């Protein structure tokens, strides 16, 4: 563990942060006595996201049916009539 004074921190803060970013710990002293410790922030553990299989779900509802442009237009027209 590296030990530095308040004065060194003020004058070399970028260097000190570089040490901490690389995983090091820095003890900070004031007038010869330890007052703080700079430690790296823990990195979040990436979570594995389970995405549903949309294709499989769609096939389970609709089978292998394919909607044509005409089918889509007809369905849209029917919806518009229902709301008017």
PDB file of N, CA and C in Angstrom:
ATOM      1  N   UNK A   1       0.857  -1.170   0.000  1.00  0.00           N
ATOM      2  CA  UNK A   1       0.000   0.000   0.000  1.00  0.00           C
ATOM      3  C   UNK A   1       0.904   1.233   0.000  1.00  0.00           C
ATOM      4  N   UNK A   2       0.586   2.159  -0.884  1.00  0.00           N
ATOM      5  CA  UNK A   2       1.351   3.391  -0.993  1.00  0.00           C
ATOM      6  C   UNK A   2       0.810   4.408   0.013  1.00  0.00           C
ATOM      7  N   UNK A   3       1.694   5.165   0.649  1.00  0.00           N
ATOM      8  CA  UNK A   3       1.294   6.202   1.601  1.00  0.00           C
ATOM      9  C   UNK A   3       1.732   7.550   1.060  1.00  0.00           C
ATOM     10  N   UNK A   4       0.790   8.510   1.059  1.00  0.00           N
ATOM     11  CA  UNK A   4       1.102   9.863   0.593  1.00  0.00           C
ATOM     12  C   UNK A   4       0.553  10.888   1.572  1.00  0.00           C
ATOM     13  N   UNK A   5       1.058  12.111   1.481  1.00  0.00           N
ATOM     14  CA  UNK A   5       0.573  13.203   2.328  1.00  0.00           C
ATOM     15  C   UNK A   5      -0.526  13.965   1.601  1.00  0.00           C
ATOM     16  N   UNK A   6      -1.231  14.790   2.343  1.00  0.00           N
ATOM     17  CA  UNK A   6      -2.264  15.650   1.753  1.00  0.00           C
ATOM     18  C   UNK A   6      -1.650  16.525   0.658  1.00  0.00           C
ATOM     19  N   UNK A   7      -0.479  17.044   0.929  1.00  0.00           N
ATOM     20  CA  UNK A   7       0.196  17.924  -0.031  1.00  0.00           C
ATOM     21  C   UNK A   7       0.480  17.169  -1.344  1.00  0.00           C
ATOM     22  N   UNK A   8       0.965  15.928  -1.218  1.00  0.00           N
ATOM     23  CA  UNK A   8       1.224  15.126  -2.418  1.00  0.00           C
ATOM     24  C   UNK A   8      -0.060  14.859  -3.191  1.00  0.00           C
ATOM     25  N   UNK A   9      -1.147  14.625  -2.461  1.00  0.00           N
ATOM     26  CA  UNK A   9      -2.430  14.400  -3.118  1.00  0.00           C
ATOM     27  C   UNK A   9      -2.856  15.630  -3.904  1.00  0.00           C
ATOM     28  N   UNK A  10      -2.713  16.804  -3.294  1.00  0.00           N
ATOM     29  CA  UNK A  10      -3.109  18.032  -3.973  1.00  0.00           C
ATOM     30  C   UNK A  10      -2.274  18.287  -5.225  1.00  0.00           C
ATOM     31  N   UNK A  11      -1.004  17.987  -5.172  1.00  0.00           N
ATOM     32  CA  UNK A  11      -0.110  18.282  -6.290  1.00  0.00           C
ATOM     33  C   UNK A  11      -0.056  17.166  -7.342  1.00  0.00           C
ATOM     34  N   UNK A  12      -0.407  15.953  -6.959  1.00  0.00           N
ATOM     35  CA  UNK A  12      -0.279  14.809  -7.870  1.00  0.00           C
ATOM     36  C   UNK A  12      -1.548  13.956  -7.910  1.00  0.00           C
ATOM     37  N   UNK A  13      -2.701  14.604  -7.860  1.00  0.00           N
ATOM     38  CA  UNK A  13      -3.958  13.853  -7.780  1.00  0.00           C
ATOM     39  C   UNK A  13      -4.170  12.934  -8.985  1.00  0.00           C
ATOM     40  N   UNK A  14      -3.784  13.364 -10.177  1.00  0.00           N
ATOM     41  CA  UNK A  14      -3.968  12.517 -11.361  1.00  0.00           C
ATOM     42  C   UNK A  14      -3.144  11.235 -11.238  1.00  0.00           C
ATOM     43  N   UNK A  15      -1.903  11.361 -10.749  1.00  0.00           N
ATOM     44  CA  UNK A  15      -1.050  10.182 -10.575  1.00  0.00           C
ATOM     45  C   UNK A  15      -1.627   9.232  -9.522  1.00  0.00           C
ATOM     46  N   UNK A  16      -2.130   9.815  -8.442  1.00  0.00           N
ATOM     47  CA  UNK A  16      -2.710   9.001  -7.362  1.00  0.00           C
ATOM     48  C   UNK A  16      -3.947   8.255  -7.884  1.00  0.00           C
ATOM     49  N   UNK A  17      -4.795   8.942  -8.628  1.00  0.00           N
ATOM     50  CA  UNK A  17      -5.990   8.285  -9.162  1.00  0.00           C
ATOM     51  C   UNK A  17      -5.622   7.179 -10.153  1.00  0.00           C
ATOM     52  N   UNK A  18      -4.560   7.380 -10.901  1.00  0.00           N
ATOM     53  CA  UNK A  18      -4.101   6.350 -11.822  1.00  0.00           C
ATOM     54  C   UNK A  18      -3.719   5.074 -11.060  1.00  0.00           C
ATOM     55  N   UNK A  19      -3.060   5.243  -9.923  1.00  0.00           N
ATOM     56  CA  UNK A  19      -2.684   4.092  -9.091  1.00  0.00           C
ATOM     57  C   UNK A  19      -3.937   3.367  -8.608  1.00  0.00           C
ATOM     58  N   UNK A  20      -4.924   4.137  -8.146  1.00  0.00           N
ATOM     59  CA  UNK A  20      -6.158   3.541  -7.619  1.00  0.00           C
ATOM     60  C   UNK A  20      -6.945   2.868  -8.744  1.00  0.00           C
ATOM     61  N   UNK A  21      -7.000   3.499  -9.923  1.00  0.00           N
ATOM     62  CA  UNK A  21      -7.719   2.898 -11.048  1.00  0.00           C
ATOM     63  C   UNK A  21      -7.136   1.544 -11.429  1.00  0.00           C
ATOM     64  N   UNK A  22      -5.851   1.381 -11.253  1.00  0.00           N
ATOM     65  CA  UNK A  22      -5.193   0.110 -11.599  1.00  0.00           C
ATOM     66  C   UNK A  22      -5.329  -0.930 -10.494  1.00  0.00           C
ATOM     67  N   UNK A  23      -6.073  -0.601  -9.443  1.00  0.00           N
ATOM     68  CA  UNK A  23      -6.332  -1.573  -8.387  1.00  0.00           C
ATOM     69  C   UNK A  23      -5.525  -1.363  -7.118  1.00  0.00           C
ATOM     70  N   UNK A  24      -4.697  -0.328  -7.071  1.00  0.00           N
ATOM     71  CA  UNK A  24      -3.888  -0.075  -5.880  1.00  0.00           C
ATOM     72  C   UNK A  24      -4.659   0.648  -4.791  1.00  0.00           C
ATOM     73  N   UNK A  25      -4.142   0.588  -3.586  1.00  0.00           N
ATOM     74  CA  UNK A  25      -4.718   1.294  -2.446  1.00  0.00           C
ATOM     75  C   UNK A  25      -3.702   2.338  -1.983  1.00  0.00           C
ATOM     76  N   UNK A  26      -4.202   3.524  -1.638  1.00  0.00           N
ATOM     77  CA  UNK A  26      -3.333   4.615  -1.211  1.00  0.00           C
ATOM     78  C   UNK A  26      -3.794   5.095   0.155  1.00  0.00           C
ATOM     79  N   UNK A  27      -2.862   5.142   1.101  1.00  0.00           N
ATOM     80  CA  UNK A  27      -3.163   5.667   2.438  1.00  0.00           C
ATOM     81  C   UNK A  27      -2.810   7.155   2.417  1.00  0.00           C
ATOM     82  N   UNK A  28      -3.703   7.971   2.942  1.00  0.00           N
ATOM     83  CA  UNK A  28      -3.527   9.423   2.974  1.00  0.00           C
ATOM     84  C   UNK A  28      -3.217   9.854   4.409  1.00  0.00           C
ATOM     85  N   UNK A  29      -2.128  10.595   4.569  1.00  0.00           N
ATOM     86  CA  UNK A  29      -1.756  11.049   5.916  1.00  0.00           C
ATOM     87  C   UNK A  29      -1.812  12.574   6.001  1.00  0.00           C
ATOM     88  N   UNK A  30      -2.064  13.033   7.202  1.00  0.00           N
ATOM     89  CA  UNK A  30      -2.057  14.471   7.481  1.00  0.00           C
ATOM     90  C   UNK A  30      -1.225  14.661   8.746  1.00  0.00           C
ATOM     91  N   UNK A  31      -0.142  15.403   8.592  1.00  0.00           N
ATOM     92  CA  UNK A  31       0.785  15.634   9.698  1.00  0.00           C
ATOM     93  C   UNK A  31       1.288  14.327  10.319  1.00  0.00           C
ATOM     94  N   UNK A  32       1.532  13.346   9.434  1.00  0.00           N
ATOM     95  CA  UNK A  32       2.128  12.102   9.881  1.00  0.00           C
ATOM     96  C   UNK A  32       1.165  11.037  10.374  1.00  0.00           C
ATOM     97  N   UNK A  33      -0.117  11.353  10.491  1.00  0.00           N
ATOM     98  CA  UNK A  33      -1.043  10.315  10.959  1.00  0.00           C
ATOM     99  C   UNK A  33      -2.047   9.972   9.853  1.00  0.00           C
ATOM    100  N   UNK A  34      -2.372   8.712   9.713  1.00  0.00           N
ATOM    101  CA  UNK A  34      -3.311   8.284   8.665  1.00  0.00           C
ATOM    102  C   UNK A  34      -4.704   8.857   8.891  1.00  0.00           C
ATOM    103  N   UNK A  35      -5.298   9.388   7.820  1.00  0.00           N
ATOM    104  CA  UNK A  35      -6.650   9.954   7.938  1.00  0.00           C
ATOM    105  C   UNK A  35      -7.640   9.334   6.951  1.00  0.00           C
ATOM    106  N   UNK A  36      -7.138   8.746   5.888  1.00  0.00           N
ATOM    107  CA  UNK A  36      -8.062   8.177   4.896  1.00  0.00           C
ATOM    108  C   UNK A  36      -7.341   7.124   4.066  1.00  0.00           C
ATOM    109  N   UNK A  37      -8.143   6.340   3.370  1.00  0.00           N
ATOM    110  CA  UNK A  37      -7.610   5.336   2.463  1.00  0.00           C
ATOM    111  C   UNK A  37      -8.391   5.420   1.156  1.00  0.00           C
ATOM    112  N   UNK A  38      -7.686   5.517   0.044  1.00  0.00           N
ATOM    113  CA  UNK A  38      -8.324   5.526  -1.281  1.00  0.00           C
ATOM    114  C   UNK A  38      -8.229   4.114  -1.844  1.00  0.00           C
ATOM    115  N   UNK A  39      -9.383   3.549  -2.138  1.00  0.00           N
ATOM    116  CA  UNK A  39      -9.419   2.189  -2.672  1.00  0.00           C
ATOM    117  C   UNK A  39     -10.221   2.205  -3.974  1.00  0.00           C
ATOM    118  N   UNK A  40      -9.963   1.251  -4.859  1.00  0.00           N
ATOM    119  CA  UNK A  40     -10.720   1.209  -6.115  1.00  0.00           C
ATOM    120  C   UNK A  40     -12.192   0.897  -5.863  1.00  0.00           C
ATOM    121  N   UNK A  41     -13.027   1.480  -6.684  1.00  0.00           N
ATOM    122  CA  UNK A  41     -14.462   1.203  -6.643  1.00  0.00           C
ATOM    123  C   UNK A  41     -14.680  -0.213  -7.170  1.00  0.00           C
ATOM    124  N   UNK A  42     -15.482  -1.033  -6.471  1.00  0.00           N
ATOM    125  CA  UNK A  42     -15.725  -2.389  -6.984  1.00  0.00           C
ATOM    126  C   UNK A  42     -16.454  -2.330  -8.320  1.00  0.00           C
ATOM    127  N   UNK A  43     -16.025  -3.164  -9.236  1.00  0.00           N
ATOM    128  CA  UNK A  43     -16.658  -3.218 -10.553  1.00  0.00           C
ATOM    129  C   UNK A  43     -17.919  -4.063 -10.473  1.00  0.00           C
ATOM    130  N   UNK A  44     -19.005  -3.580 -11.088  1.00  0.00           N
ATOM    131  CA  UNK A  44     -20.226  -4.384 -11.066  1.00  0.00           C
ATOM    132  C   UNK A  44     -20.030  -5.669 -11.863  1.00  0.00           C
ATOM    133  N   UNK A  45     -20.625  -6.723 -11.363  1.00  0.00           N
ATOM    134  CA  UNK A  45     -20.558  -8.012 -12.049  1.00  0.00           C
ATOM    135  C   UNK A  45     -21.623  -8.004 -13.131  1.00  0.00           C
ATOM    136  N   UNK A  46     -21.233  -8.212 -14.395  1.00  0.00           N
ATOM    137  CA  UNK A  46     -22.246  -8.198 -15.453  1.00  0.00           C
ATOM    138  C   UNK A  46     -23.226  -9.347 -15.269  1.00  0.00           C
ATOM    139  N   UNK A  47     -24.492  -9.006 -15.383  1.00  0.00           N
ATOM    140  CA  UNK A  47     -25.529 -10.028 -15.268  1.00  0.00           C
ATOM    141  C   UNK A  47     -25.850 -10.576 -16.649  1.00  0.00           C
ATOM    142  N   UNK A  48     -26.117 -11.861 -16.698  1.00  0.00           N
ATOM    143  CA  UNK A  48     -26.540 -12.460 -17.948  1.00  0.00           C
ATOM    144  C   UNK A  48     -28.047 -12.282 -18.054  1.00  0.00           C
ATOM    145  N   UNK A  49     -28.471 -11.642 -19.131  1.00  0.00           N
ATOM    146  CA  UNK A  49     -29.894 -11.390 -19.339  1.00  0.00           C
ATOM    147  C   UNK A  49     -30.457 -12.504 -20.209  1.00  0.00           C
ATOM    148  N   UNK A  50     -31.503 -13.115 -19.726  1.00  0.00           N
ATOM    149  CA  UNK A  50     -32.178 -14.165 -20.485  1.00  0.00           C
ATOM    150  C   UNK A  50     -33.279 -13.521 -21.327  1.00  0.00           C
ATOM    151  N   UNK A  51     -33.058 -13.497 -22.624  1.00  0.00           N
ATOM    152  CA  UNK A  51     -34.062 -12.932 -23.530  1.00  0.00           C
ATOM    153  C   UNK A  51     -34.974 -14.059 -24.008  1.00  0.00           C
ATOM    154  N   UNK A  52     -36.270 -13.776 -24.081  1.00  0.00           N
ATOM    155  CA  UNK A  52     -37.179 -14.807 -24.564  1.00  0.00           C
ATOM    156  C   UNK A  52     -36.925 -15.075 -26.041  1.00  0.00           C
ATOM    157  N   UNK A  53     -37.174 -16.283 -26.472  1.00  0.00           N
ATOM    158  CA  UNK A  53     -37.036 -16.631 -27.877  1.00  0.00           C
ATOM    159  C   UNK A  53     -38.314 -16.186 -28.584  1.00  0.00           C
ATOM    160  N   UNK A  54     -38.257 -14.993 -29.165  1.00  0.00           N
ATOM    161  CA  UNK A  54     -39.446 -14.390 -29.781  1.00  0.00           C
ATOM    162  C   UNK A  54     -39.955 -15.242 -30.941  1.00  0.00           C
ATOM    163  N   UNK A  55     -39.049 -15.771 -31.733  1.00  0.00           N
ATOM    164  CA  UNK A  55     -39.470 -16.578 -32.887  1.00  0.00           C
ATOM    165  C   UNK A  55     -40.235 -17.811 -32.415  1.00  0.00           C
ATOM    166  N   UNK A  56     -39.702 -18.489 -31.408  1.00  0.00           N
ATOM    167  CA  UNK A  56     -40.382 -19.688 -30.898  1.00  0.00           C
ATOM    168  C   UNK A  56     -41.744 -19.333 -30.305  1.00  0.00           C
ATOM    169  N   UNK A  57     -41.803 -18.218 -29.571  1.00  0.00           N
ATOM    170  CA  UNK A  57     -43.089 -17.822 -28.979  1.00  0.00           C
ATOM    171  C   UNK A  57     -44.102 -17.471 -30.056  1.00  0.00           C
ATOM    172  N   UNK A  58     -43.652 -16.775 -31.097  1.00  0.00           N
ATOM    173  CA  UNK A  58     -44.564 -16.399 -32.177  1.00  0.00           C
ATOM    174  C   UNK A  58     -45.075 -17.648 -32.894  1.00  0.00           C
ATOM    175  N   UNK A  59     -44.171 -18.598 -33.139  1.00  0.00           N
ATOM    176  CA  UNK A  59     -44.598 -19.828 -33.797  1.00  0.00           C
ATOM    177  C   UNK A  59     -45.585 -20.606 -32.934  1.00  0.00           C
ATOM    178  N   UNK A  60     -45.425 -20.557 -31.605  1.00  0.00           N
ATOM    179  CA  UNK A  60     -46.348 -21.282 -30.741  1.00  0.00           C
ATOM    180  C   UNK A  60     -47.751 -20.682 -30.801  1.00  0.00           C
ATOM    181  N   UNK A  61     -47.853 -19.365 -31.041  1.00  0.00           N
ATOM    182  CA  UNK A  61     -49.159 -18.713 -31.139  1.00  0.00           C
ATOM    183  C   UNK A  61     -49.738 -18.796 -32.547  1.00  0.00           C
ATOM    184  N   UNK A  62     -48.883 -18.580 -33.534  1.00  0.00           N
ATOM    185  CA  UNK A  62     -49.372 -18.430 -34.912  1.00  0.00           C
ATOM    186  C   UNK A  62     -49.051 -19.603 -35.819  1.00  0.00           C
ATOM    187  N   UNK A  63     -48.232 -20.519 -35.379  1.00  0.00           N
ATOM    188  CA  UNK A  63     -47.808 -21.610 -36.260  1.00  0.00           C
ATOM    189  C   UNK A  63     -46.851 -21.061 -37.312  1.00  0.00           C
ATOM    190  N   UNK A  64     -46.942 -21.592 -38.516  1.00  0.00           N
ATOM    191  CA  UNK A  64     -46.069 -21.136 -39.599  1.00  0.00           C
ATOM    192  C   UNK A  64     -46.768 -20.136 -40.513  1.00  0.00           C
ATOM    193  N   UNK A  65     -47.898 -19.593 -40.079  1.00  0.00           N
ATOM    194  CA  UNK A  65     -48.644 -18.647 -40.904  1.00  0.00           C
ATOM    195  C   UNK A  65     -47.814 -17.390 -41.157  1.00  0.00           C
ATOM    196  N   UNK A  66     -47.921 -16.885 -42.388  1.00  0.00           N
ATOM    197  CA  UNK A  66     -47.221 -15.660 -42.763  1.00  0.00           C
ATOM    198  C   UNK A  66     -48.273 -14.652 -43.187  1.00  0.00           C
ATOM    199  N   UNK A  67     -48.218 -13.458 -42.614  1.00  0.00           N
ATOM    200  CA  UNK A  67     -49.173 -12.418 -42.980  1.00  0.00           C
ATOM    201  C   UNK A  67     -48.637 -11.630 -44.168  1.00  0.00           C
ATOM    202  N   UNK A  68     -49.484 -11.470 -45.161  1.00  0.00           N
ATOM    203  CA  UNK A  68     -49.101 -10.688 -46.340  1.00  0.00           C
ATOM    204  C   UNK A  68     -49.410  -9.223 -46.069  1.00  0.00           C
ATOM    205  N   UNK A  69     -48.970  -8.377 -46.984  1.00  0.00           N
ATOM    206  CA  UNK A  69     -49.280  -6.951 -46.872  1.00  0.00           C
ATOM    207  C   UNK A  69     -50.783  -6.722 -46.918  1.00  0.00           C
ATOM    208  N   UNK A  70     -51.479  -7.518 -47.748  1.00  0.00           N
ATOM    209  CA  UNK A  70     -52.934  -7.382 -47.845  1.00  0.00           C
ATOM    210  C   UNK A  70     -53.601  -7.742 -46.516  1.00  0.00           C
ATOM    211  N   UNK A  71     -53.100  -8.811 -45.866  1.00  0.00           N
ATOM    212  CA  UNK A  71     -53.647  -9.208 -44.562  1.00  0.00           C
ATOM    213  C   UNK A  71     -53.453  -8.091 -43.537  1.00  0.00           C
ATOM    214  N   UNK A  72     -52.260  -7.507 -43.529  1.00  0.00           N
ATOM    215  CA  UNK A  72     -51.967  -6.428 -42.580  1.00  0.00           C
ATOM    216  C   UNK A  72     -52.863  -5.223 -42.833  1.00  0.00           C
ATOM    217  N   UNK A  73     -53.058  -4.863 -44.093  1.00  0.00           N
ATOM    218  CA  UNK A  73     -53.915  -3.714 -44.439  1.00  0.00           C
ATOM    219  C   UNK A  73     -55.346  -3.989 -44.002  1.00  0.00           C
ATOM    220  N   UNK A  74     -55.848  -5.221 -44.272  1.00  0.00           N
ATOM    221  CA  UNK A  74     -57.216  -5.589 -43.888  1.00  0.00           C
ATOM    222  C   UNK A  74     -57.386  -5.494 -42.360  1.00  0.00           C
ATOM    223  N   UNK A  75     -56.391  -5.998 -41.601  1.00  0.00           N
ATOM    224  CA  UNK A  75     -56.473  -5.950 -40.148  1.00  0.00           C
ATOM    225  C   UNK A  75     -56.460  -4.505 -39.648  1.00  0.00           C
ATOM    226  N   UNK A  76     -55.632  -3.673 -40.271  1.00  0.00           N
ATOM    227  CA  UNK A  76     -55.562  -2.260 -39.871  1.00  0.00           C
ATOM    228  C   UNK A  76     -56.898  -1.568 -40.134  1.00  0.00           C
ATOM    229  N   UNK A  77     -57.473  -1.834 -41.312  1.00  0.00           N
ATOM    230  CA  UNK A  77     -58.778  -1.229 -41.652  1.00  0.00           C
ATOM    231  C   UNK A  77     -59.851  -1.659 -40.666  1.00  0.00           C
ATOM    232  N   UNK A  78     -59.836  -2.948 -40.280  1.00  0.00           N
ATOM    233  CA  UNK A  78     -60.819  -3.450 -39.319  1.00  0.00           C
ATOM    234  C   UNK A  78     -60.653  -2.755 -37.965  1.00  0.00           C
ATOM    235  N   UNK A  79     -59.413  -2.553 -37.539  1.00  0.00           N
ATOM    236  CA  UNK A  79     -59.181  -1.854 -36.272  1.00  0.00           C
ATOM    237  C   UNK A  79     -59.676  -0.436 -36.327  1.00  0.00           C
ATOM    238  N   UNK A  80     -59.430   0.251 -37.437  1.00  0.00           N
ATOM    239  CA  UNK A  80     -59.878   1.648 -37.575  1.00  0.00           C
ATOM    240  C   UNK A  80     -61.393   1.716 -37.539  1.00  0.00           C
ATOM    241  N   UNK A  81     -62.077   0.762 -38.147  1.00  0.00           N
ATOM    242  CA  UNK A  81     -63.534   0.759 -38.118  1.00  0.00           C
ATOM    243  C   UNK A  81     -64.043   0.525 -36.702  1.00  0.00           C
ATOM    244  N   UNK A  82     -63.342  -0.309 -35.931  1.00  0.00           N
ATOM    245  CA  UNK A  82     -63.763  -0.603 -34.565  1.00  0.00           C
ATOM    246  C   UNK A  82     -63.680   0.633 -33.675  1.00  0.00           C
ATOM    247  N   UNK A  83     -62.724   1.528 -33.944  1.00  0.00           N
ATOM    248  CA  UNK A  83     -62.540   2.716 -33.116  1.00  0.00           C
ATOM    249  C   UNK A  83     -63.320   3.920 -33.584  1.00  0.00           C
ATOM    250  N   UNK A  84     -63.925   3.843 -34.752  1.00  0.00           N
ATOM    251  CA  UNK A  84     -64.673   5.019 -35.233  1.00  0.00           C
ATOM    252  C   UNK A  84     -66.127   4.937 -34.895  1.00  0.00           C
TER     253      UNK A  84
END
